[in-house]
């Protein structure tokens, strides 16, 4: 099982590439350090999936009844823009232009480990989201993880 942690500041170059930090790559099994799937995420970020994690997501999606309209709509929206990316010889990943536009990525991005995948955020957007007064960490922790909500 993959267990990723950490936040990593990165810069996008003029072509939309970022260097995958060594500290993040080292947390992955060696055979999962060079190919990923990048896709739209929730909250206007992107998600970088190690290929085996992506394949697990696809299995979950295939289990949904395709004759249910909401399932088809979700599948269409979720898969829209999903792209396999291979790191180049310098360890950089290329973010497709359409996905960059979706997430509003500028030069400074932050990679946020999310257990078995990595969110890619525009740094300013991530900081704004984290400062959102709608989510008080202490109250959220109690509501999500407290005794009454097991």
N, C-alpha and C. Protein backbone atom coordinates (compact mmCIF):
# COMPACT_ATOMS: atom_id res chain seq x y z
N UNK A 1 0.84 -1.19 0.00
CA UNK A 1 0.00 0.00 0.00
C UNK A 1 0.88 1.25 0.00
N UNK A 2 0.51 2.21 -0.80
CA UNK A 2 1.23 3.47 -0.87
C UNK A 2 0.75 4.38 0.26
N UNK A 3 1.69 5.07 0.88
CA UNK A 3 1.35 6.01 1.95
C UNK A 3 2.22 7.25 1.77
N UNK A 4 1.69 8.21 1.04
CA UNK A 4 2.44 9.43 0.72
C UNK A 4 2.13 10.54 1.72
N UNK A 5 3.16 11.30 2.09
CA UNK A 5 2.97 12.45 2.97
C UNK A 5 3.81 13.61 2.45
N UNK A 6 3.42 14.82 2.83
CA UNK A 6 4.22 15.99 2.56
C UNK A 6 3.58 16.98 1.61
N UNK A 7 4.10 18.19 1.65
CA UNK A 7 3.77 19.27 0.73
C UNK A 7 5.07 19.72 0.09
N UNK A 8 5.03 19.97 -1.20
CA UNK A 8 6.24 20.28 -1.94
C UNK A 8 5.99 21.48 -2.86
N UNK A 9 6.77 22.53 -2.67
CA UNK A 9 6.69 23.69 -3.56
C UNK A 9 7.45 23.37 -4.84
N UNK A 10 6.82 23.67 -5.98
CA UNK A 10 7.43 23.42 -7.28
C UNK A 10 7.18 24.63 -8.18
N UNK A 11 7.93 24.68 -9.25
CA UNK A 11 7.74 25.72 -10.25
C UNK A 11 7.46 25.07 -11.59
N UNK A 12 6.50 25.65 -12.32
CA UNK A 12 6.22 25.21 -13.67
C UNK A 12 7.13 25.98 -14.62
N UNK A 13 7.72 25.28 -15.59
CA UNK A 13 8.51 25.99 -16.59
C UNK A 13 7.58 26.47 -17.70
N UNK A 14 8.14 27.12 -18.71
CA UNK A 14 7.34 27.70 -19.79
C UNK A 14 6.53 26.66 -20.55
N UNK A 15 6.95 25.41 -20.53
CA UNK A 15 6.23 24.35 -21.24
C UNK A 15 5.20 23.64 -20.35
N UNK A 16 5.11 24.02 -19.08
CA UNK A 16 4.15 23.40 -18.18
C UNK A 16 4.69 22.16 -17.49
N UNK A 17 6.00 22.08 -17.33
CA UNK A 17 6.62 20.94 -16.66
C UNK A 17 7.04 21.33 -15.25
N UNK A 18 7.01 20.34 -14.36
CA UNK A 18 7.53 20.54 -13.01
C UNK A 18 8.38 19.34 -12.65
N UNK A 19 9.37 19.59 -11.82
CA UNK A 19 10.25 18.54 -11.34
C UNK A 19 9.57 17.82 -10.19
N UNK A 20 9.40 16.50 -10.33
CA UNK A 20 8.81 15.73 -9.24
C UNK A 20 9.87 15.63 -8.13
N UNK A 21 9.58 16.15 -6.95
CA UNK A 21 10.57 16.19 -5.88
C UNK A 21 11.07 14.80 -5.49
N UNK A 22 12.37 14.70 -5.24
CA UNK A 22 12.98 13.43 -4.85
C UNK A 22 12.33 12.89 -3.59
N UNK A 23 11.98 13.76 -2.65
CA UNK A 23 11.37 13.32 -1.40
C UNK A 23 10.02 12.66 -1.61
N UNK A 24 9.32 13.05 -2.65
CA UNK A 24 8.04 12.43 -2.98
C UNK A 24 8.27 11.11 -3.72
N UNK A 25 9.16 11.14 -4.70
CA UNK A 25 9.44 9.92 -5.47
C UNK A 25 9.95 8.79 -4.59
N UNK A 26 10.77 9.11 -3.61
CA UNK A 26 11.34 8.08 -2.72
C UNK A 26 10.26 7.34 -1.93
N UNK A 27 9.10 7.95 -1.77
CA UNK A 27 8.01 7.30 -1.03
C UNK A 27 7.27 6.27 -1.87
N UNK A 28 7.53 6.26 -3.16
CA UNK A 28 6.87 5.33 -4.07
C UNK A 28 7.74 4.12 -4.32
N UNK A 29 7.13 2.96 -4.57
CA UNK A 29 7.93 1.81 -4.98
C UNK A 29 8.70 2.16 -6.27
N UNK A 30 9.86 1.61 -6.43
CA UNK A 30 10.73 1.97 -7.56
C UNK A 30 10.03 1.84 -8.91
N UNK A 31 9.20 0.82 -9.07
CA UNK A 31 8.53 0.61 -10.35
C UNK A 31 7.35 1.57 -10.58
N UNK A 32 7.08 2.47 -9.63
CA UNK A 32 5.99 3.43 -9.77
C UNK A 32 6.47 4.88 -9.75
N UNK A 33 7.75 5.10 -9.98
CA UNK A 33 8.33 6.44 -9.86
C UNK A 33 8.41 7.21 -11.17
N UNK A 34 8.02 6.61 -12.29
CA UNK A 34 8.24 7.33 -13.55
C UNK A 34 7.00 7.52 -14.42
N UNK A 35 5.90 6.83 -14.12
CA UNK A 35 4.67 7.00 -14.90
C UNK A 35 3.50 7.27 -13.98
N UNK A 36 2.67 8.21 -14.40
CA UNK A 36 1.53 8.64 -13.61
C UNK A 36 0.36 8.94 -14.53
N UNK A 37 -0.79 9.17 -13.93
CA UNK A 37 -1.94 9.72 -14.64
C UNK A 37 -2.29 11.02 -13.93
N UNK A 38 -2.44 12.08 -14.70
CA UNK A 38 -2.86 13.37 -14.14
C UNK A 38 -4.28 13.62 -14.60
N UNK A 39 -5.09 14.15 -13.69
CA UNK A 39 -6.50 14.32 -13.98
C UNK A 39 -7.06 15.51 -13.20
N UNK A 40 -8.24 15.95 -13.62
CA UNK A 40 -8.94 16.97 -12.86
C UNK A 40 -9.28 16.42 -11.49
N UNK A 41 -9.20 17.28 -10.49
CA UNK A 41 -9.59 16.89 -9.15
C UNK A 41 -10.75 17.75 -8.69
N UNK A 42 -11.14 17.58 -7.47
CA UNK A 42 -12.18 18.41 -6.87
C UNK A 42 -11.53 19.67 -6.33
N UNK A 43 -12.29 20.70 -6.10
CA UNK A 43 -11.80 21.96 -5.54
C UNK A 43 -10.82 22.68 -6.46
N UNK A 44 -10.93 22.47 -7.77
CA UNK A 44 -10.11 23.17 -8.77
C UNK A 44 -8.62 22.88 -8.64
N UNK A 45 -8.29 21.65 -8.34
CA UNK A 45 -6.90 21.23 -8.36
C UNK A 45 -6.78 20.06 -9.32
N UNK A 46 -5.57 19.60 -9.55
CA UNK A 46 -5.34 18.40 -10.35
C UNK A 46 -4.91 17.29 -9.41
N UNK A 47 -4.99 16.06 -9.88
CA UNK A 47 -4.56 14.92 -9.09
C UNK A 47 -3.59 14.09 -9.91
N UNK A 48 -2.46 13.78 -9.30
CA UNK A 48 -1.44 12.94 -9.92
C UNK A 48 -1.53 11.56 -9.27
N UNK A 49 -1.89 10.58 -10.07
CA UNK A 49 -2.08 9.21 -9.58
C UNK A 49 -0.92 8.33 -10.01
N UNK A 50 -0.30 7.59 -9.10
CA UNK A 50 0.56 6.50 -9.55
C UNK A 50 -0.32 5.54 -10.37
N UNK A 51 0.22 4.94 -11.41
CA UNK A 51 -0.59 4.12 -12.32
C UNK A 51 -1.40 3.04 -11.59
N UNK A 52 -0.84 2.28 -10.64
CA UNK A 52 -1.66 1.27 -9.96
C UNK A 52 -2.85 1.87 -9.20
N UNK A 53 -2.69 3.05 -8.64
CA UNK A 53 -3.79 3.71 -7.93
C UNK A 53 -4.86 4.13 -8.94
N UNK A 54 -4.43 4.65 -10.08
CA UNK A 54 -5.37 5.02 -11.15
C UNK A 54 -6.17 3.79 -11.59
N UNK A 55 -5.49 2.67 -11.75
CA UNK A 55 -6.16 1.45 -12.18
C UNK A 55 -7.20 0.99 -11.15
N UNK A 56 -6.92 1.20 -9.87
CA UNK A 56 -7.90 0.89 -8.82
C UNK A 56 -9.13 1.80 -8.94
N UNK A 57 -8.89 3.07 -9.24
CA UNK A 57 -10.00 4.01 -9.43
C UNK A 57 -10.85 3.57 -10.61
N UNK A 58 -10.21 3.15 -11.69
CA UNK A 58 -10.96 2.70 -12.86
C UNK A 58 -11.81 1.47 -12.53
N UNK A 59 -11.28 0.57 -11.73
CA UNK A 59 -12.06 -0.61 -11.31
C UNK A 59 -13.30 -0.19 -10.53
N UNK A 60 -13.13 0.79 -9.65
CA UNK A 60 -14.28 1.30 -8.89
C UNK A 60 -15.33 1.90 -9.82
N UNK A 61 -14.86 2.63 -10.83
CA UNK A 61 -15.77 3.26 -11.78
C UNK A 61 -16.49 2.23 -12.64
N UNK A 62 -15.77 1.19 -13.06
CA UNK A 62 -16.37 0.16 -13.90
C UNK A 62 -17.44 -0.62 -13.16
N UNK A 63 -17.38 -0.63 -11.84
CA UNK A 63 -18.37 -1.34 -11.04
C UNK A 63 -19.70 -0.59 -10.97
N UNK A 64 -19.72 0.67 -11.37
CA UNK A 64 -20.95 1.47 -11.33
C UNK A 64 -21.86 1.08 -12.50
N UNK A 65 -23.14 1.13 -12.25
CA UNK A 65 -24.13 0.81 -13.26
C UNK A 65 -24.16 1.93 -14.31
N UNK A 66 -23.78 1.63 -15.53
CA UNK A 66 -23.70 2.63 -16.60
C UNK A 66 -25.07 3.02 -17.14
N UNK A 67 -26.13 2.33 -16.70
CA UNK A 67 -27.48 2.69 -17.12
C UNK A 67 -28.11 3.74 -16.22
N UNK A 68 -27.38 4.15 -15.18
CA UNK A 68 -27.83 5.21 -14.29
C UNK A 68 -27.22 6.52 -14.79
N UNK A 69 -28.09 7.47 -15.10
CA UNK A 69 -27.66 8.73 -15.72
C UNK A 69 -26.57 9.46 -14.91
N UNK A 70 -26.72 9.55 -13.60
CA UNK A 70 -25.72 10.24 -12.76
C UNK A 70 -24.38 9.52 -12.80
N UNK A 71 -24.40 8.21 -12.87
CA UNK A 71 -23.15 7.46 -12.96
C UNK A 71 -22.42 7.78 -14.25
N UNK A 72 -23.16 7.82 -15.37
CA UNK A 72 -22.54 8.15 -16.66
C UNK A 72 -21.99 9.57 -16.64
N UNK A 73 -22.75 10.48 -16.07
CA UNK A 73 -22.31 11.88 -16.01
C UNK A 73 -21.04 12.01 -15.19
N UNK A 74 -21.01 11.33 -14.03
CA UNK A 74 -19.82 11.39 -13.20
C UNK A 74 -18.63 10.79 -13.92
N UNK A 75 -18.82 9.65 -14.54
CA UNK A 75 -17.74 8.99 -15.28
C UNK A 75 -17.19 9.90 -16.36
N UNK A 76 -18.08 10.52 -17.11
CA UNK A 76 -17.66 11.43 -18.18
C UNK A 76 -16.87 12.61 -17.61
N UNK A 77 -17.37 13.18 -16.53
CA UNK A 77 -16.70 14.34 -15.93
C UNK A 77 -15.37 13.94 -15.30
N UNK A 78 -15.35 12.79 -14.63
CA UNK A 78 -14.14 12.35 -13.95
C UNK A 78 -13.02 12.03 -14.93
N UNK A 79 -13.36 11.38 -16.03
CA UNK A 79 -12.34 10.97 -16.99
C UNK A 79 -11.93 12.08 -17.96
N UNK A 80 -12.68 13.17 -17.97
CA UNK A 80 -12.40 14.27 -18.89
C UNK A 80 -11.02 14.86 -18.62
N UNK A 81 -10.11 14.66 -19.52
CA UNK A 81 -8.78 15.23 -19.39
C UNK A 81 -7.74 14.30 -18.80
N UNK A 82 -8.14 13.14 -18.31
CA UNK A 82 -7.16 12.21 -17.73
C UNK A 82 -6.08 11.90 -18.77
N UNK A 83 -4.82 12.03 -18.35
CA UNK A 83 -3.70 11.88 -19.27
C UNK A 83 -2.56 11.14 -18.60
N UNK A 84 -2.02 10.14 -19.30
CA UNK A 84 -0.82 9.47 -18.79
C UNK A 84 0.36 10.38 -19.00
N UNK A 85 1.22 10.48 -18.00
CA UNK A 85 2.44 11.27 -18.11
C UNK A 85 3.62 10.42 -17.67
N UNK A 86 4.67 10.50 -18.43
CA UNK A 86 5.92 9.82 -18.08
C UNK A 86 6.94 10.90 -17.77
N UNK A 87 7.70 10.72 -16.72
CA UNK A 87 8.73 11.69 -16.39
C UNK A 87 9.80 11.67 -17.47
N UNK A 88 10.30 12.85 -17.81
CA UNK A 88 11.37 12.92 -18.80
C UNK A 88 12.70 12.56 -18.14
N UNK A 89 13.78 12.63 -18.88
CA UNK A 89 15.10 12.26 -18.38
C UNK A 89 15.57 13.08 -17.20
N UNK A 90 14.97 14.24 -17.00
CA UNK A 90 15.32 15.11 -15.88
C UNK A 90 14.35 14.97 -14.70
N UNK A 91 13.41 14.03 -14.80
CA UNK A 91 12.46 13.82 -13.71
C UNK A 91 11.31 14.80 -13.69
N UNK A 92 11.01 15.40 -14.85
CA UNK A 92 9.92 16.38 -14.93
C UNK A 92 8.67 15.74 -15.51
N UNK A 93 7.52 16.20 -15.02
CA UNK A 93 6.22 15.79 -15.54
C UNK A 93 5.60 16.97 -16.28
N UNK A 94 5.00 16.69 -17.41
CA UNK A 94 4.35 17.71 -18.23
C UNK A 94 2.86 17.73 -17.90
N UNK A 95 2.36 18.89 -17.53
CA UNK A 95 0.93 19.06 -17.27
C UNK A 95 0.28 19.53 -18.56
N UNK A 96 -0.70 18.78 -19.07
CA UNK A 96 -1.38 19.22 -20.30
C UNK A 96 -2.00 20.60 -20.13
N UNK A 97 -1.95 21.38 -21.20
CA UNK A 97 -2.42 22.76 -21.17
C UNK A 97 -3.87 22.88 -20.68
N UNK A 98 -4.75 22.02 -21.16
CA UNK A 98 -6.16 22.10 -20.74
C UNK A 98 -6.31 21.89 -19.24
N UNK A 99 -5.51 20.98 -18.69
CA UNK A 99 -5.58 20.75 -17.25
C UNK A 99 -4.99 21.92 -16.48
N UNK A 100 -3.91 22.51 -17.02
CA UNK A 100 -3.34 23.70 -16.38
C UNK A 100 -4.39 24.81 -16.30
N UNK A 101 -5.11 24.99 -17.39
CA UNK A 101 -6.15 26.03 -17.44
C UNK A 101 -7.27 25.72 -16.45
N UNK A 102 -7.70 24.46 -16.38
CA UNK A 102 -8.76 24.06 -15.46
C UNK A 102 -8.39 24.43 -14.02
N UNK A 103 -7.17 24.12 -13.61
CA UNK A 103 -6.74 24.35 -12.23
C UNK A 103 -6.17 25.74 -12.00
N UNK A 104 -6.09 26.55 -13.07
CA UNK A 104 -5.55 27.90 -12.92
C UNK A 104 -4.10 27.91 -12.48
N UNK A 105 -3.33 26.93 -12.95
CA UNK A 105 -1.94 26.84 -12.53
C UNK A 105 -1.12 27.96 -13.16
N UNK A 106 -0.31 28.59 -12.32
CA UNK A 106 0.61 29.61 -12.77
C UNK A 106 2.01 29.05 -12.56
N UNK A 107 2.98 29.88 -12.35
CA UNK A 107 4.36 29.40 -12.22
C UNK A 107 4.61 28.64 -10.93
N UNK A 108 4.01 29.07 -9.84
CA UNK A 108 4.24 28.42 -8.55
C UNK A 108 3.10 27.46 -8.24
N UNK A 109 3.46 26.20 -8.02
CA UNK A 109 2.47 25.19 -7.66
C UNK A 109 2.92 24.50 -6.38
N UNK A 110 1.98 23.84 -5.76
CA UNK A 110 2.31 23.05 -4.58
C UNK A 110 1.73 21.65 -4.78
N UNK A 111 2.56 20.66 -4.50
CA UNK A 111 2.13 19.27 -4.56
C UNK A 111 1.77 18.86 -3.13
N UNK A 112 0.57 18.31 -2.96
CA UNK A 112 0.08 17.95 -1.64
C UNK A 112 -0.24 16.46 -1.64
N UNK A 113 0.55 15.69 -0.89
CA UNK A 113 0.33 14.25 -0.81
C UNK A 113 -1.01 13.97 -0.14
N UNK A 114 -1.77 13.04 -0.72
CA UNK A 114 -3.08 12.66 -0.21
C UNK A 114 -3.17 11.14 -0.10
N UNK A 115 -2.39 10.57 0.76
CA UNK A 115 -2.31 9.14 1.07
C UNK A 115 -1.74 8.33 -0.09
N UNK A 116 -2.50 8.16 -1.17
CA UNK A 116 -2.02 7.33 -2.29
C UNK A 116 -1.97 8.08 -3.61
N UNK A 117 -2.19 9.38 -3.56
CA UNK A 117 -2.13 10.23 -4.75
C UNK A 117 -1.64 11.62 -4.33
N UNK A 118 -1.46 12.50 -5.31
CA UNK A 118 -0.90 13.82 -5.02
C UNK A 118 -1.76 14.88 -5.70
N UNK A 119 -2.23 15.86 -4.93
CA UNK A 119 -2.94 16.99 -5.51
C UNK A 119 -1.92 18.00 -6.02
N UNK A 120 -2.24 18.62 -7.15
CA UNK A 120 -1.41 19.69 -7.73
C UNK A 120 -2.26 20.95 -7.70
N UNK A 121 -1.81 21.92 -6.93
CA UNK A 121 -2.54 23.17 -6.75
C UNK A 121 -1.72 24.36 -7.24
N UNK A 122 -2.39 25.36 -7.75
CA UNK A 122 -1.76 26.67 -7.88
C UNK A 122 -1.49 27.11 -6.44
N UNK A 123 -0.28 27.57 -6.18
CA UNK A 123 0.11 27.86 -4.79
C UNK A 123 -0.82 28.89 -4.13
N UNK A 124 -1.14 29.96 -4.83
CA UNK A 124 -2.01 30.99 -4.25
C UNK A 124 -3.40 30.43 -3.98
N UNK A 125 -3.93 29.62 -4.88
CA UNK A 125 -5.26 29.03 -4.70
C UNK A 125 -5.27 28.07 -3.50
N UNK A 126 -4.19 27.31 -3.34
CA UNK A 126 -4.11 26.38 -2.21
C UNK A 126 -4.07 27.14 -0.88
N UNK A 127 -3.27 28.17 -0.82
CA UNK A 127 -3.18 28.96 0.41
C UNK A 127 -4.52 29.60 0.73
N UNK A 128 -5.23 30.07 -0.29
CA UNK A 128 -6.56 30.66 -0.08
C UNK A 128 -7.53 29.59 0.43
N UNK A 129 -7.47 28.39 -0.15
CA UNK A 129 -8.36 27.31 0.29
C UNK A 129 -8.07 26.95 1.74
N UNK A 130 -6.80 26.85 2.09
CA UNK A 130 -6.42 26.48 3.46
C UNK A 130 -6.83 27.54 4.47
N UNK A 131 -6.93 28.79 4.04
CA UNK A 131 -7.33 29.88 4.94
C UNK A 131 -8.84 30.09 4.96
N UNK A 132 -9.60 29.25 4.26
CA UNK A 132 -11.04 29.40 4.15
C UNK A 132 -11.68 29.29 5.54
N UNK A 133 -12.37 30.33 6.00
CA UNK A 133 -12.98 30.28 7.34
C UNK A 133 -14.12 29.27 7.45
N UNK A 134 -14.61 28.76 6.32
CA UNK A 134 -15.67 27.75 6.33
C UNK A 134 -15.20 26.47 7.03
N UNK A 135 -13.87 26.21 6.96
CA UNK A 135 -13.33 24.99 7.53
C UNK A 135 -12.38 25.31 8.67
N UNK A 136 -12.89 25.23 9.88
CA UNK A 136 -12.07 25.36 11.07
C UNK A 136 -11.55 23.96 11.37
N UNK A 137 -10.22 23.79 11.39
CA UNK A 137 -9.62 22.46 11.50
C UNK A 137 -10.08 21.71 12.74
N UNK A 138 -10.13 22.40 13.87
CA UNK A 138 -10.53 21.75 15.13
C UNK A 138 -11.97 21.24 15.06
N UNK A 139 -12.88 22.06 14.57
CA UNK A 139 -14.28 21.66 14.46
C UNK A 139 -14.45 20.55 13.43
N UNK A 140 -13.75 20.68 12.33
CA UNK A 140 -13.81 19.67 11.28
C UNK A 140 -13.30 18.33 11.79
N UNK A 141 -12.20 18.36 12.54
CA UNK A 141 -11.64 17.12 13.11
C UNK A 141 -12.65 16.45 14.03
N UNK A 142 -13.30 17.24 14.87
CA UNK A 142 -14.28 16.67 15.78
C UNK A 142 -15.45 16.07 15.02
N UNK A 143 -15.92 16.78 14.00
CA UNK A 143 -17.07 16.32 13.23
C UNK A 143 -16.74 15.06 12.41
N UNK A 144 -15.58 15.04 11.79
CA UNK A 144 -15.22 13.92 10.91
C UNK A 144 -14.66 12.74 11.68
N UNK A 145 -13.86 13.01 12.70
CA UNK A 145 -13.13 11.93 13.39
C UNK A 145 -13.59 11.67 14.82
N UNK A 146 -14.48 12.51 15.33
CA UNK A 146 -14.92 12.38 16.72
C UNK A 146 -15.69 11.11 17.01
N UNK A 147 -15.88 10.83 18.28
CA UNK A 147 -16.54 9.60 18.74
C UNK A 147 -17.92 9.40 18.13
N UNK A 148 -18.69 10.47 17.99
CA UNK A 148 -20.07 10.34 17.50
C UNK A 148 -20.13 10.04 16.01
N UNK A 149 -19.01 10.10 15.32
CA UNK A 149 -19.01 9.94 13.86
C UNK A 149 -18.09 8.81 13.42
N UNK A 150 -18.17 7.68 14.07
CA UNK A 150 -17.28 6.55 13.74
C UNK A 150 -17.71 5.87 12.48
